[in-house]
Amino acid sequence: MCRTPETLARRLEILRVYYNFVREHASLGKRTTLAMVAGLAKRRLTLREVFMSRVPELPLTCGRSW
């Protein structure tokens, strides 16, 4: 459960990274991710790599004001 818009935004970001960098898309070919097709990654990432990597803290922006 998300009690604040910031928490919701952070959780949605995790899903976005999973969908684009970790999840294989059968329609694109064997073991291919959307990030690989877009040229953002050379290989499929693992969940361990996603959660263990350090990323800079960026300000969260939403399309609407809460």
C-alpha atoms as a PDB file:
ATOM      1  CA  MET A   1       0.000   0.000   0.000  1.00  0.00           C
ATOM      2  CA  CYS A   2       1.292   3.446  -0.900  1.00  0.00           C
ATOM      3  CA  ARG A   3       0.473   6.219   1.491  1.00  0.00           C
ATOM      4  CA  THR A   4       2.219   9.005  -0.377  1.00  0.00           C
ATOM      5  CA  PRO A   5       2.682   9.881  -4.056  1.00  0.00           C
ATOM      6  CA  GLU A   6       6.465   9.577  -3.580  1.00  0.00           C
ATOM      7  CA  THR A   7       6.160   5.971  -2.410  1.00  0.00           C
ATOM      8  CA  LEU A   8       3.898   5.152  -5.334  1.00  0.00           C
ATOM      9  CA  ALA A   9       6.347   6.737  -7.778  1.00  0.00           C
ATOM     10  CA  ARG A  10       9.262   4.733  -6.356  1.00  0.00           C
ATOM     11  CA  ARG A  11       7.379   1.450  -6.568  1.00  0.00           C
ATOM     12  CA  LEU A  12       6.258   2.159 -10.116  1.00  0.00           C
ATOM     13  CA  GLU A  13       9.868   2.911 -11.063  1.00  0.00           C
ATOM     14  CA  ILE A  14      10.912  -0.565  -9.863  1.00  0.00           C
ATOM     15  CA  LEU A  15       8.205  -2.108 -12.055  1.00  0.00           C
ATOM     16  CA  ARG A  16       9.307   0.013 -15.022  1.00  0.00           C
ATOM     17  CA  VAL A  17      12.925  -1.121 -14.656  1.00  0.00           C
ATOM     18  CA  TYR A  18      11.841  -4.764 -14.360  1.00  0.00           C
ATOM     19  CA  TYR A  19       9.608  -4.541 -17.442  1.00  0.00           C
ATOM     20  CA  ASN A  20      12.236  -2.860 -19.629  1.00  0.00           C
ATOM     21  CA  PHE A  21      15.553  -4.305 -18.418  1.00  0.00           C
ATOM     22  CA  VAL A  22      14.824  -7.705 -16.804  1.00  0.00           C
ATOM     23  CA  ARG A  23      11.706  -9.252 -18.349  1.00  0.00           C
ATOM     24  CA  GLU A  24      12.158 -11.226 -21.560  1.00  0.00           C
ATOM     25  CA  HIS A  25       9.709 -10.338 -24.324  1.00  0.00           C
ATOM     26  CA  ALA A  26       8.932 -13.358 -26.493  1.00  0.00           C
ATOM     27  CA  SER A  27       7.670 -11.233 -29.373  1.00  0.00           C
ATOM     28  CA  LEU A  28      11.132  -9.613 -29.675  1.00  0.00           C
ATOM     29  CA  GLY A  29      13.123 -12.821 -29.797  1.00  0.00           C
ATOM     30  CA  LYS A  30      14.730 -15.217 -27.401  1.00  0.00           C
ATOM     31  CA  ARG A  31      16.142 -13.602 -24.216  1.00  0.00           C
ATOM     32  CA  THR A  32      15.593 -10.073 -25.500  1.00  0.00           C
ATOM     33  CA  THR A  33      14.426  -7.109 -23.428  1.00  0.00           C
ATOM     34  CA  LEU A  34      12.954  -3.795 -24.531  1.00  0.00           C
ATOM     35  CA  ALA A  35      16.071  -1.995 -23.288  1.00  0.00           C
ATOM     36  CA  MET A  36      18.241  -4.178 -25.528  1.00  0.00           C
ATOM     37  CA  VAL A  37      16.111  -3.372 -28.582  1.00  0.00           C
ATOM     38  CA  ALA A  38      16.273   0.351 -27.758  1.00  0.00           C
ATOM     39  CA  GLY A  39      20.058   0.162 -27.389  1.00  0.00           C
ATOM     40  CA  LEU A  40      20.057   1.011 -23.676  1.00  0.00           C
ATOM     41  CA  ALA A  41      21.503  -2.341 -22.575  1.00  0.00           C
ATOM     42  CA  LYS A  42      23.738  -4.946 -24.174  1.00  0.00           C
ATOM     43  CA  ARG A  43      22.376  -7.809 -22.093  1.00  0.00           C
ATOM     44  CA  ARG A  44      19.466  -8.739 -19.855  1.00  0.00           C
ATOM     45  CA  LEU A  45      19.884  -7.588 -16.252  1.00  0.00           C
ATOM     46  CA  THR A  46      19.121  -9.746 -13.244  1.00  0.00           C
ATOM     47  CA  LEU A  47      16.983  -8.612 -10.321  1.00  0.00           C
ATOM     48  CA  ARG A  48      20.087  -8.868  -8.146  1.00  0.00           C
ATOM     49  CA  GLU A  49      21.903  -6.380 -10.396  1.00  0.00           C
ATOM     50  CA  VAL A  50      18.934  -4.021 -10.312  1.00  0.00           C
ATOM     51  CA  PHE A  51      18.629  -4.027  -6.523  1.00  0.00           C
ATOM     52  CA  MET A  52      22.373  -3.998  -5.789  1.00  0.00           C
ATOM     53  CA  SER A  53      23.253  -1.111  -8.108  1.00  0.00           C
ATOM     54  CA  ARG A  54      23.590   2.391  -6.755  1.00  0.00           C
ATOM     55  CA  VAL A  55      21.678   5.045  -8.606  1.00  0.00           C
ATOM     56  CA  PRO A  56      21.627   8.786  -8.010  1.00  0.00           C
ATOM     57  CA  GLU A  57      18.662  10.198  -6.144  1.00  0.00           C
ATOM     58  CA  LEU A  58      16.559  12.100  -8.638  1.00  0.00           C
ATOM     59  CA  PRO A  59      13.646  14.359  -7.810  1.00  0.00           C
ATOM     60  CA  LEU A  60      10.340  12.608  -8.325  1.00  0.00           C
ATOM     61  CA  THR A  61       8.023  14.368 -10.706  1.00  0.00           C
ATOM     62  CA  CYS A  62       4.424  13.541 -11.376  1.00  0.00           C
ATOM     63  CA  GLY A  63       2.177  14.605 -14.199  1.00  0.00           C
ATOM     64  CA  ARG A  64      -0.215  16.194 -11.726  1.00  0.00           C
ATOM     65  CA  SER A  65       0.027  18.082  -8.483  1.00  0.00           C
ATOM     66  CA  TRP A  66      -1.121  16.093  -5.471  1.00  0.00           C
END
